[in-house]
Amino acid sequence: MVADWTHAARTALAGEPAALVTILATEGSAPRGAGARMVVTANGLHGTIGGGALEHQAAAQARAILALPPGSWRVQDYPLGPLLGQCCGGRVRLMVERLAQVPDGDGSFAVTLGETVMREPGTAAPLAARGELPVAGACFLEPVETDALPVYLFGAGHVGRAIAARAAGLPLHIAWFDARPEAAETPGVVLASEDEMVACAAAAPQGAAVAILTHDHALDYRLTAAALGGKAGFVGLIGSQTKRARFLSRLAGEGVDASRLTCPIGLPGIPGKEPEVIAIATLGQLLALRNPA
């Protein structure tokens, strides 16, 4: 799942003043997109807005605002050219806030600029990367940089745990299932019966990804057939070419369209059977689904 800046902000605010730097809008080439955030304290940073001179100046502004009352804010436009010694050629609009209260959730928030920055759910116009700066009382939609890909992950064995361990910070929204009672001891796993897992695979929404890597080939087959019969945009199955051939033969015999099946799972050309290698190849493949060529 995408890194939760709200957790970092709450943690920081529990011990010291904290500021939040948000990229509100971009134009042209920029190191990060609108919605990228960075939590700043007197001696630390969490997250990044792209590094370089832009981040250095933004961090300095954030530390300066720590001396002001909670709710203080400023919005600044930066051309990414000679002024900053960067050659991106684009433009960014940043908001720097002295945090007073961190909202729940990790979605978009409507921000009303006043004596105190209010954050309440709602809708408003997006902000542009140049033009007139907002003033007190203005309202706009604070963006989220990326949309997380829904991933239904079935299996909490070695590979499943390796995938989950390396997914932190990635734009993937993972729902993780296993049927074995001992899997309940693994943080993040939803314990479900095999029938419930099959139902989840069948109900995966359009555009979602299904990754199947359980301990049981029979369960793998049920999950594969269910996912292929549903709306999932990607169905990945762990296994050898022999397993693939057997599954394809059985699916064809049952009239199941297997054109969406990827088996073995993971980016091709990355050799290795170690769980960590398979995990990285699989995560790369899932990330590629978010921006198909």
C-alpha atoms as a PDB file:
ATOM      1  CA  MET A   1       0.000   0.000   0.000  1.00  0.00           C
ATOM      2  CA  VAL A   2       1.132   3.542  -0.571  1.00  0.00           C
ATOM      3  CA  ALA A   3       3.097   4.914   2.372  1.00  0.00           C
ATOM      4  CA  ASP A   4       0.788   6.554   4.911  1.00  0.00           C
ATOM      5  CA  TRP A   5       2.020  10.122   5.445  1.00  0.00           C
ATOM      6  CA  THR A   6      -0.678  10.592   8.076  1.00  0.00           C
ATOM      7  CA  HIS A   7       1.012   7.999  10.304  1.00  0.00           C
ATOM      8  CA  ALA A   8       4.367   9.749   9.929  1.00  0.00           C
ATOM      9  CA  ALA A   9       2.772  13.107  10.732  1.00  0.00           C
ATOM     10  CA  ARG A  10       0.965  11.794  13.810  1.00  0.00           C
ATOM     11  CA  THR A  11       4.156  10.159  15.043  1.00  0.00           C
ATOM     12  CA  ALA A  12       6.087  13.391  14.587  1.00  0.00           C
ATOM     13  CA  LEU A  13       3.408  15.556  16.189  1.00  0.00           C
ATOM     14  CA  ALA A  14       3.410  13.349  19.274  1.00  0.00           C
ATOM     15  CA  GLY A  15       6.887  14.608  20.115  1.00  0.00           C
ATOM     16  CA  GLU A  16       7.575  17.868  18.301  1.00  0.00           C
ATOM     17  CA  PRO A  17       6.227  20.428  15.818  1.00  0.00           C
ATOM     18  CA  ALA A  18       5.848  19.138  12.264  1.00  0.00           C
ATOM     19  CA  ALA A  19       5.164  20.600   8.851  1.00  0.00           C
ATOM     20  CA  LEU A  20       3.761  19.055   5.699  1.00  0.00           C
ATOM     21  CA  VAL A  21       5.010  19.886   2.204  1.00  0.00           C
ATOM     22  CA  THR A  22       2.606  18.936  -0.591  1.00  0.00           C
ATOM     23  CA  ILE A  23       3.016  19.234  -4.347  1.00  0.00           C
ATOM     24  CA  LEU A  24      -0.307  20.798  -5.292  1.00  0.00           C
ATOM     25  CA  ALA A  25       0.186  20.892  -9.056  1.00  0.00           C
ATOM     26  CA  THR A  26       2.835  20.382 -11.738  1.00  0.00           C
ATOM     27  CA  GLU A  27       3.390  21.543 -15.272  1.00  0.00           C
ATOM     28  CA  GLY A  28       5.840  19.995 -17.720  1.00  0.00           C
ATOM     29  CA  SER A  29       8.630  17.779 -16.432  1.00  0.00           C
ATOM     30  CA  ALA A  30       8.783  17.468 -12.642  1.00  0.00           C
ATOM     31  CA  PRO A  31      10.511  14.975 -10.320  1.00  0.00           C
ATOM     32  CA  ARG A  32       7.249  13.989  -8.583  1.00  0.00           C
ATOM     33  CA  GLY A  33       3.567  14.394  -9.341  1.00  0.00           C
ATOM     34  CA  ALA A  34       0.826  16.397  -7.671  1.00  0.00           C
ATOM     35  CA  GLY A  35       0.004  14.815  -4.329  1.00  0.00           C
ATOM     36  CA  ALA A  36       3.555  13.838  -3.349  1.00  0.00           C
ATOM     37  CA  ARG A  37       4.068  14.724   0.323  1.00  0.00           C
ATOM     38  CA  MET A  38       6.927  15.147   2.759  1.00  0.00           C
ATOM     39  CA  VAL A  39       6.674  15.472   6.538  1.00  0.00           C
ATOM     40  CA  VAL A  40       9.341  17.766   7.964  1.00  0.00           C
ATOM     41  CA  THR A  41      10.534  18.215  11.554  1.00  0.00           C
ATOM     42  CA  ALA A  42      13.434  20.261  12.918  1.00  0.00           C
ATOM     43  CA  ASN A  43      15.882  17.435  12.307  1.00  0.00           C
ATOM     44  CA  GLY A  44      14.119  14.925  10.076  1.00  0.00           C
ATOM     45  CA  LEU A  45      12.282  14.216   6.824  1.00  0.00           C
ATOM     46  CA  HIS A  46       9.752  11.516   6.000  1.00  0.00           C
ATOM     47  CA  GLY A  47       8.936  10.974   2.342  1.00  0.00           C
ATOM     48  CA  THR A  48      10.207  12.993  -0.605  1.00  0.00           C
ATOM     49  CA  ILE A  49       8.999  15.489  -3.183  1.00  0.00           C
ATOM     50  CA  GLY A  50      11.754  14.502  -5.577  1.00  0.00           C
ATOM     51  CA  GLY A  51      15.041  15.483  -3.970  1.00  0.00           C
ATOM     52  CA  GLY A  52      17.499  18.039  -5.299  1.00  0.00           C
ATOM     53  CA  ALA A  53      17.435  21.788  -4.822  1.00  0.00           C
ATOM     54  CA  LEU A  54      13.616  21.912  -4.839  1.00  0.00           C
ATOM     55  CA  GLU A  55      13.383  19.584  -1.860  1.00  0.00           C
ATOM     56  CA  HIS A  56      16.210  21.417  -0.080  1.00  0.00           C
ATOM     57  CA  GLN A  57      14.397  24.757  -0.384  1.00  0.00           C
ATOM     58  CA  ALA A  58      11.040  23.241   0.535  1.00  0.00           C
ATOM     59  CA  ALA A  59      12.525  21.652   3.668  1.00  0.00           C
ATOM     60  CA  ALA A  60      14.039  24.999   4.641  1.00  0.00           C
ATOM     61  CA  GLN A  61      10.638  26.695   4.208  1.00  0.00           C
ATOM     62  CA  ALA A  62       8.975  23.954   6.238  1.00  0.00           C
ATOM     63  CA  ARG A  63      11.457  24.354   9.094  1.00  0.00           C
ATOM     64  CA  ALA A  64      10.950  28.104   9.053  1.00  0.00           C
ATOM     65  CA  ILE A  65       7.187  27.669   9.381  1.00  0.00           C
ATOM     66  CA  LEU A  66       7.657  25.440  12.460  1.00  0.00           C
ATOM     67  CA  ALA A  67       8.169  28.628  14.468  1.00  0.00           C
ATOM     68  CA  LEU A  68       4.717  29.905  13.464  1.00  0.00           C
ATOM     69  CA  PRO A  69       1.377  28.917  15.054  1.00  0.00           C
ATOM     70  CA  PRO A  70      -0.216  25.596  14.058  1.00  0.00           C
ATOM     71  CA  GLY A  71      -2.371  26.071  10.963  1.00  0.00           C
ATOM     72  CA  SER A  72       0.031  28.558   9.355  1.00  0.00           C
ATOM     73  CA  TRP A  73       0.575  27.965   5.639  1.00  0.00           C
ATOM     74  CA  ARG A  74       2.165  29.311   2.510  1.00  0.00           C
ATOM     75  CA  VAL A  75       1.925  28.419  -1.198  1.00  0.00           C
ATOM     76  CA  GLN A  76       4.908  28.873  -3.497  1.00  0.00           C
ATOM     77  CA  ASP A  77       5.530  28.368  -7.231  1.00  0.00           C
ATOM     78  CA  TYR A  78       8.909  27.056  -8.359  1.00  0.00           C
ATOM     79  CA  PRO A  79      10.144  26.983 -11.985  1.00  0.00           C
ATOM     80  CA  LEU A  80      12.490  24.000 -12.265  1.00  0.00           C
ATOM     81  CA  GLY A  81      15.183  25.781 -14.210  1.00  0.00           C
ATOM     82  CA  PRO A  82      18.265  27.903 -13.593  1.00  0.00           C
ATOM     83  CA  LEU A  83      16.809  29.460 -10.424  1.00  0.00           C
ATOM     84  CA  LEU A  84      17.034  26.103  -8.653  1.00  0.00           C
ATOM     85  CA  GLY A  85      19.892  24.699 -10.696  1.00  0.00           C
ATOM     86  CA  GLN A  86      17.606  21.944 -11.986  1.00  0.00           C
ATOM     87  CA  CYS A  87      17.129  21.033 -15.620  1.00  0.00           C
ATOM     88  CA  CYS A  88      13.661  19.442 -15.436  1.00  0.00           C
ATOM     89  CA  GLY A  89      12.162  22.428 -17.231  1.00  0.00           C
ATOM     90  CA  GLY A  90       8.778  22.113 -15.550  1.00  0.00           C
ATOM     91  CA  ARG A  91       7.035  23.968 -12.777  1.00  0.00           C
ATOM     92  CA  VAL A  92       5.587  22.958  -9.417  1.00  0.00           C
ATOM     93  CA  ARG A  93       3.287  24.595  -6.912  1.00  0.00           C
ATOM     94  CA  LEU A  94       3.972  23.659  -3.294  1.00  0.00           C
ATOM     95  CA  MET A  95       1.986  24.116  -0.126  1.00  0.00           C
ATOM     96  CA  VAL A  96       3.830  24.193   3.206  1.00  0.00           C
ATOM     97  CA  GLU A  97       1.692  23.762   6.337  1.00  0.00           C
ATOM     98  CA  ARG A  98       2.497  23.896  10.032  1.00  0.00           C
ATOM     99  CA  LEU A  99       0.439  20.887  11.042  1.00  0.00           C
ATOM    100  CA  ALA A 100      -2.168  21.268  13.724  1.00  0.00           C
ATOM    101  CA  GLN A 101      -4.290  18.208  13.066  1.00  0.00           C
ATOM    102  CA  VAL A 102      -3.816  15.262  10.733  1.00  0.00           C
ATOM    103  CA  PRO A 103      -6.947  13.866   9.027  1.00  0.00           C
ATOM    104  CA  ASP A 104      -7.858  10.217   8.972  1.00  0.00           C
ATOM    105  CA  GLY A 105      -7.392   8.204   5.812  1.00  0.00           C
ATOM    106  CA  ASP A 106      -5.041   8.616   2.875  1.00  0.00           C
ATOM    107  CA  GLY A 107      -7.299  10.059   0.190  1.00  0.00           C
ATOM    108  CA  SER A 108      -7.884  13.567  -1.098  1.00  0.00           C
ATOM    109  CA  PHE A 109      -8.923  16.365   1.248  1.00  0.00           C
ATOM    110  CA  ALA A 110     -10.584  19.717   0.630  1.00  0.00           C
ATOM    111  CA  VAL A 111      -8.448  22.445   2.195  1.00  0.00           C
ATOM    112  CA  THR A 112      -9.855  25.835   3.225  1.00  0.00           C
ATOM    113  CA  LEU A 113      -7.127  28.424   3.683  1.00  0.00           C
ATOM    114  CA  GLY A 114      -7.722  30.718   6.621  1.00  0.00           C
ATOM    115  CA  GLU A 115      -6.212  31.478  10.011  1.00  0.00           C
ATOM    116  CA  THR A 116      -6.207  27.721  10.494  1.00  0.00           C
ATOM    117  CA  VAL A 117      -5.965  25.250   7.645  1.00  0.00           C
ATOM    118  CA  MET A 118      -9.146  23.220   7.818  1.00  0.00           C
ATOM    119  CA  ARG A 119      -9.237  19.733   6.318  1.00  0.00           C
ATOM    120  CA  GLU A 120     -12.660  18.314   5.631  1.00  0.00           C
ATOM    121  CA  PRO A 121     -13.908  15.787   3.066  1.00  0.00           C
ATOM    122  CA  GLY A 122     -15.470  17.443   0.069  1.00  0.00           C
ATOM    123  CA  THR A 123     -15.036  18.422  -3.531  1.00  0.00           C
ATOM    124  CA  ALA A 124     -13.513  21.524  -5.027  1.00  0.00           C
ATOM    125  CA  ALA A 125     -11.612  22.695  -8.075  1.00  0.00           C
ATOM    126  CA  PRO A 126      -8.088  21.365  -8.627  1.00  0.00           C
ATOM    127  CA  LEU A 127      -5.228  23.820  -8.320  1.00  0.00           C
ATOM    128  CA  ALA A 128      -3.090  24.910 -11.299  1.00  0.00           C
ATOM    129  CA  ALA A 129       0.713  24.997 -11.378  1.00  0.00           C
ATOM    130  CA  ARG A 130       0.840  28.713 -12.161  1.00  0.00           C
ATOM    131  CA  GLY A 131      -1.348  31.769 -12.051  1.00  0.00           C
ATOM    132  CA  GLU A 132      -2.953  33.540  -9.134  1.00  0.00           C
ATOM    133  CA  LEU A 133      -2.036  32.087  -5.757  1.00  0.00           C
ATOM    134  CA  PRO A 134      -4.834  31.054  -3.388  1.00  0.00           C
ATOM    135  CA  VAL A 135      -5.753  33.399  -0.556  1.00  0.00           C
ATOM    136  CA  ALA A 136      -7.326  32.921   2.875  1.00  0.00           C
ATOM    137  CA  GLY A 137     -10.747  31.342   2.485  1.00  0.00           C
ATOM    138  CA  ALA A 138      -9.939  29.676  -0.842  1.00  0.00           C
ATOM    139  CA  CYS A 139     -10.950  26.064  -1.291  1.00  0.00           C
ATOM    140  CA  PHE A 140      -9.336  23.484  -3.515  1.00  0.00           C
ATOM    141  CA  LEU A 141      -8.905  19.746  -3.770  1.00  0.00           C
ATOM    142  CA  GLU A 142      -5.632  18.499  -2.345  1.00  0.00           C
ATOM    143  CA  PRO A 143      -4.520  15.719  -4.701  1.00  0.00           C
ATOM    144  CA  VAL A 144      -3.278  12.176  -4.279  1.00  0.00           C
ATOM    145  CA  GLU A 145      -0.204  11.496  -6.401  1.00  0.00           C
ATOM    146  CA  THR A 146      -1.047   7.960  -7.519  1.00  0.00           C
ATOM    147  CA  ASP A 147      -3.966   5.597  -7.737  1.00  0.00           C
ATOM    148  CA  ALA A 148      -3.263   2.299  -6.027  1.00  0.00           C
ATOM    149  CA  LEU A 149      -3.834  -0.866  -8.023  1.00  0.00           C
ATOM    150  CA  PRO A 150      -6.179  -3.276  -6.211  1.00  0.00           C
ATOM    151  CA  VAL A 151      -4.376  -6.596  -5.745  1.00  0.00           C
ATOM    152  CA  TYR A 152      -6.001  -9.757  -4.402  1.00  0.00           C
ATOM    153  CA  LEU A 153      -3.163 -11.867  -3.038  1.00  0.00           C
ATOM    154  CA  PHE A 154      -3.973 -15.497  -2.248  1.00  0.00           C
ATOM    155  CA  GLY A 155      -1.446 -17.428  -0.189  1.00  0.00           C
ATOM    156  CA  ALA A 156       0.700 -16.570   2.830  1.00  0.00           C
ATOM    157  CA  GLY A 157       3.563 -18.951   2.218  1.00  0.00           C
ATOM    158  CA  HIS A 158       7.172 -17.952   1.579  1.00  0.00           C
ATOM    159  CA  VAL A 159       6.446 -16.096  -1.654  1.00  0.00           C
ATOM    160  CA  GLY A 160       3.296 -14.416  -0.356  1.00  0.00           C
ATOM    161  CA  ARG A 161       5.150 -13.146   2.695  1.00  0.00           C
ATOM    162  CA  ALA A 162       8.048 -11.948   0.528  1.00  0.00           C
ATOM    163  CA  ILE A 163       5.648 -10.007  -1.705  1.00  0.00           C
ATOM    164  CA  ALA A 164       3.842  -8.412   1.231  1.00  0.00           C
ATOM    165  CA  ALA A 165       7.109  -7.487   2.950  1.00  0.00           C
ATOM    166  CA  ARG A 166       8.350  -5.623  -0.132  1.00  0.00           C
ATOM    167  CA  ALA A 167       5.068  -3.963  -1.087  1.00  0.00           C
ATOM    168  CA  ALA A 168       5.239  -1.268   1.586  1.00  0.00           C
ATOM    169  CA  GLY A 169       5.383   2.156  -0.026  1.00  0.00           C
ATOM    170  CA  LEU A 170       4.263   0.910  -3.444  1.00  0.00           C
ATOM    171  CA  PRO A 171       1.014   2.096  -5.071  1.00  0.00           C
ATOM    172  CA  LEU A 172      -0.647  -1.275  -4.575  1.00  0.00           C
ATOM    173  CA  HIS A 173      -3.731  -1.824  -2.406  1.00  0.00           C
ATOM    174  CA  ILE A 174      -3.302  -5.439  -1.310  1.00  0.00           C
ATOM    175  CA  ALA A 175      -6.015  -7.656   0.140  1.00  0.00           C
ATOM    176  CA  TRP A 176      -4.239 -10.785   1.399  1.00  0.00           C
ATOM    177  CA  PHE A 177      -5.960 -14.124   2.082  1.00  0.00           C
ATOM    178  CA  ASP A 178      -5.078 -17.590   3.333  1.00  0.00           C
ATOM    179  CA  ALA A 179      -7.161 -20.524   4.552  1.00  0.00           C
ATOM    180  CA  ARG A 180      -4.662 -22.144   6.930  1.00  0.00           C
ATOM    181  CA  PRO A 181      -5.230 -21.398  10.648  1.00  0.00           C
ATOM    182  CA  GLU A 182      -1.528 -20.750  11.234  1.00  0.00           C
ATOM    183  CA  ALA A 183      -1.645 -17.919   8.683  1.00  0.00           C
ATOM    184  CA  ALA A 184      -3.664 -15.897  11.174  1.00  0.00           C
ATOM    185  CA  GLU A 185      -0.385 -15.241  13.014  1.00  0.00           C
ATOM    186  CA  THR A 186       0.966 -13.313  10.008  1.00  0.00           C
ATOM    187  CA  PRO A 187       0.124  -9.582  10.224  1.00  0.00           C
ATOM    188  CA  GLY A 188      -2.026  -8.404   7.336  1.00  0.00           C
ATOM    189  CA  VAL A 189      -3.468 -11.785   6.380  1.00  0.00           C
ATOM    190  CA  VAL A 190      -7.237 -12.252   6.316  1.00  0.00           C
ATOM    191  CA  LEU A 191      -8.096 -15.776   7.397  1.00  0.00           C
ATOM    192  CA  ALA A 192     -10.854 -17.143   5.134  1.00  0.00           C
ATOM    193  CA  SER A 193     -12.226 -20.506   4.137  1.00  0.00           C
ATOM    194  CA  GLU A 194     -11.325 -21.864   0.715  1.00  0.00           C
ATOM    195  CA  ASP A 195     -14.874 -21.195  -0.489  1.00  0.00           C
ATOM    196  CA  GLU A 196     -14.625 -17.593   0.742  1.00  0.00           C
ATOM    197  CA  MET A 197     -11.307 -17.152  -1.042  1.00  0.00           C
ATOM    198  CA  VAL A 198     -12.782 -18.488  -4.283  1.00  0.00           C
ATOM    199  CA  ALA A 199     -15.708 -16.084  -3.924  1.00  0.00           C
ATOM    200  CA  CYS A 200     -13.274 -13.186  -3.442  1.00  0.00           C
ATOM    201  CA  ALA A 201     -11.336 -14.167  -6.555  1.00  0.00           C
ATOM    202  CA  ALA A 202     -14.536 -14.271  -8.578  1.00  0.00           C
ATOM    203  CA  ALA A 203     -15.644 -10.887  -7.229  1.00  0.00           C
ATOM    204  CA  ALA A 204     -12.384  -9.017  -7.951  1.00  0.00           C
ATOM    205  CA  PRO A 205     -13.426  -5.802  -9.730  1.00  0.00           C
ATOM    206  CA  GLN A 206     -12.573  -4.822 -13.265  1.00  0.00           C
ATOM    207  CA  GLY A 207      -8.988  -3.631 -13.504  1.00  0.00           C
ATOM    208  CA  ALA A 208      -7.890  -5.411 -10.337  1.00  0.00           C
ATOM    209  CA  ALA A 209      -5.054  -7.922 -10.239  1.00  0.00           C
ATOM    210  CA  VAL A 210      -5.297 -11.419  -8.770  1.00  0.00           C
ATOM    211  CA  ALA A 211      -2.091 -13.171  -7.654  1.00  0.00           C
ATOM    212  CA  ILE A 212      -2.459 -16.852  -6.780  1.00  0.00           C
ATOM    213  CA  LEU A 213       0.301 -18.636  -4.856  1.00  0.00           C
ATOM    214  CA  THR A 214      -1.239 -20.921  -2.268  1.00  0.00           C
ATOM    215  CA  HIS A 215       0.113 -24.135  -0.761  1.00  0.00           C
ATOM    216  CA  ASP A 216      -2.382 -26.328  -2.660  1.00  0.00           C
ATOM    217  CA  HIS A 217      -2.582 -26.900  -6.434  1.00  0.00           C
ATOM    218  CA  ALA A 218      -6.247 -27.854  -6.183  1.00  0.00           C
ATOM    219  CA  LEU A 219      -7.027 -24.558  -4.464  1.00  0.00           C
ATOM    220  CA  ASP A 220      -4.855 -22.726  -6.980  1.00  0.00           C
ATOM    221  CA  TYR A 221      -6.986 -24.167  -9.760  1.00  0.00           C
ATOM    222  CA  ARG A 222     -10.267 -23.182  -8.114  1.00  0.00           C
ATOM    223  CA  LEU A 223      -9.001 -19.648  -7.569  1.00  0.00           C
ATOM    224  CA  THR A 224      -7.700 -19.410 -11.128  1.00  0.00           C
ATOM    225  CA  ALA A 225     -10.957 -20.575 -12.678  1.00  0.00           C
ATOM    226  CA  ALA A 226     -12.951 -18.230 -10.456  1.00  0.00           C
ATOM    227  CA  ALA A 227     -10.772 -15.210 -11.248  1.00  0.00           C
ATOM    228  CA  LEU A 228     -10.843 -15.921 -14.985  1.00  0.00           C
ATOM    229  CA  GLY A 229     -14.610 -16.148 -14.799  1.00  0.00           C
ATOM    230  CA  GLY A 230     -14.798 -12.718 -13.173  1.00  0.00           C
ATOM    231  CA  LYS A 231     -13.740  -9.204 -14.151  1.00  0.00           C
ATOM    232  CA  ALA A 232     -10.148  -9.063 -12.893  1.00  0.00           C
ATOM    233  CA  GLY A 233      -7.844  -7.492 -15.443  1.00  0.00           C
ATOM    234  CA  PHE A 234      -4.867  -9.660 -14.538  1.00  0.00           C
ATOM    235  CA  VAL A 235      -4.707 -13.213 -13.195  1.00  0.00           C
ATOM    236  CA  GLY A 236      -1.233 -14.365 -12.174  1.00  0.00           C
ATOM    237  CA  LEU A 237      -0.439 -17.895 -11.038  1.00  0.00           C
ATOM    238  CA  ILE A 238       2.753 -19.200  -9.502  1.00  0.00           C
ATOM    239  CA  GLY A 239       4.028 -22.406 -11.046  1.00  0.00           C
ATOM    240  CA  SER A 240       6.105 -24.180 -13.652  1.00  0.00           C
ATOM    241  CA  GLN A 241       5.462 -24.573 -17.363  1.00  0.00           C
ATOM    242  CA  THR A 242       4.163 -28.074 -16.583  1.00  0.00           C
ATOM    243  CA  LYS A 243       1.635 -26.668 -14.117  1.00  0.00           C
ATOM    244  CA  ARG A 244       0.644 -24.050 -16.679  1.00  0.00           C
ATOM    245  CA  ALA A 245       0.059 -26.693 -19.360  1.00  0.00           C
ATOM    246  CA  ARG A 246      -2.069 -28.836 -17.036  1.00  0.00           C
ATOM    247  CA  PHE A 247      -4.164 -25.892 -15.894  1.00  0.00           C
ATOM    248  CA  LEU A 248      -4.682 -24.640 -19.454  1.00  0.00           C
ATOM    249  CA  SER A 249      -5.808 -28.079 -20.596  1.00  0.00           C
ATOM    250  CA  ARG A 250      -8.296 -28.406 -17.765  1.00  0.00           C
ATOM    251  CA  LEU A 251      -9.586 -24.841 -18.174  1.00  0.00           C
ATOM    252  CA  ALA A 252     -10.127 -25.413 -21.898  1.00  0.00           C
ATOM    253  CA  GLY A 253     -11.988 -28.614 -21.141  1.00  0.00           C
ATOM    254  CA  GLU A 254     -14.301 -26.685 -18.823  1.00  0.00           C
ATOM    255  CA  GLY A 255     -14.834 -23.891 -21.334  1.00  0.00           C
ATOM    256  CA  VAL A 256     -12.954 -21.247 -19.330  1.00  0.00           C
ATOM    257  CA  ASP A 257     -11.239 -18.489 -21.321  1.00  0.00           C
ATOM    258  CA  ALA A 258      -7.638 -18.467 -20.072  1.00  0.00           C
ATOM    259  CA  SER A 259      -6.357 -15.610 -22.242  1.00  0.00           C
ATOM    260  CA  ARG A 260      -5.821 -13.417 -19.150  1.00  0.00           C
ATOM    261  CA  LEU A 261      -3.795 -16.039 -17.299  1.00  0.00           C
ATOM    262  CA  THR A 262      -0.131 -15.284 -16.606  1.00  0.00           C
ATOM    263  CA  CYS A 263       1.784 -18.338 -15.462  1.00  0.00           C
ATOM    264  CA  PRO A 264       4.486 -18.385 -14.268  1.00  0.00           C
ATOM    265  CA  ILE A 265       3.838 -15.094 -12.494  1.00  0.00           C
ATOM    266  CA  GLY A 266       6.443 -12.348 -12.549  1.00  0.00           C
ATOM    267  CA  LEU A 267       8.324 -10.343 -15.148  1.00  0.00           C
ATOM    268  CA  PRO A 268       9.978 -12.644 -17.678  1.00  0.00           C
ATOM    269  CA  GLY A 269      13.751 -12.684 -17.905  1.00  0.00           C
ATOM    270  CA  ILE A 270      14.363 -12.552 -14.149  1.00  0.00           C
ATOM    271  CA  PRO A 271      15.787 -15.976 -13.226  1.00  0.00           C
ATOM    272  CA  GLY A 272      15.676 -17.460  -9.758  1.00  0.00           C
ATOM    273  CA  LYS A 273      13.349 -19.513  -7.619  1.00  0.00           C
ATOM    274  CA  GLU A 274      14.111 -17.782  -4.333  1.00  0.00           C
ATOM    275  CA  PRO A 275      10.964 -16.256  -2.776  1.00  0.00           C
ATOM    276  CA  GLU A 276      12.583 -12.819  -2.715  1.00  0.00           C
ATOM    277  CA  VAL A 277      13.406 -12.971  -6.437  1.00  0.00           C
ATOM    278  CA  ILE A 278       9.889 -14.129  -7.332  1.00  0.00           C
ATOM    279  CA  ALA A 279       8.461 -11.383  -5.127  1.00  0.00           C
ATOM    280  CA  ILE A 280      10.433  -8.627  -6.835  1.00  0.00           C
ATOM    281  CA  ALA A 281       9.590  -9.957 -10.309  1.00  0.00           C
ATOM    282  CA  THR A 282       5.905 -10.142  -9.342  1.00  0.00           C
ATOM    283  CA  LEU A 283       5.799  -6.662  -7.838  1.00  0.00           C
ATOM    284  CA  GLY A 284       7.451  -5.277 -10.966  1.00  0.00           C
ATOM    285  CA  GLN A 285       4.816  -6.970 -13.092  1.00  0.00           C
ATOM    286  CA  LEU A 286       2.009  -5.590 -10.938  1.00  0.00           C
ATOM    287  CA  LEU A 287       3.445  -2.075 -11.086  1.00  0.00           C
ATOM    288  CA  ALA A 288       3.635  -2.303 -14.875  1.00  0.00           C
ATOM    289  CA  LEU A 289      -0.119  -2.940 -14.953  1.00  0.00           C
ATOM    290  CA  ARG A 290      -0.749   0.590 -13.682  1.00  0.00           C
ATOM    291  CA  ASN A 291       0.712   2.141 -16.839  1.00  0.00           C
ATOM    292  CA  PRO A 292       0.358  -0.332 -19.703  1.00  0.00           C
ATOM    293  CA  ALA A 293       2.413   0.441 -22.802  1.00  0.00           C
END
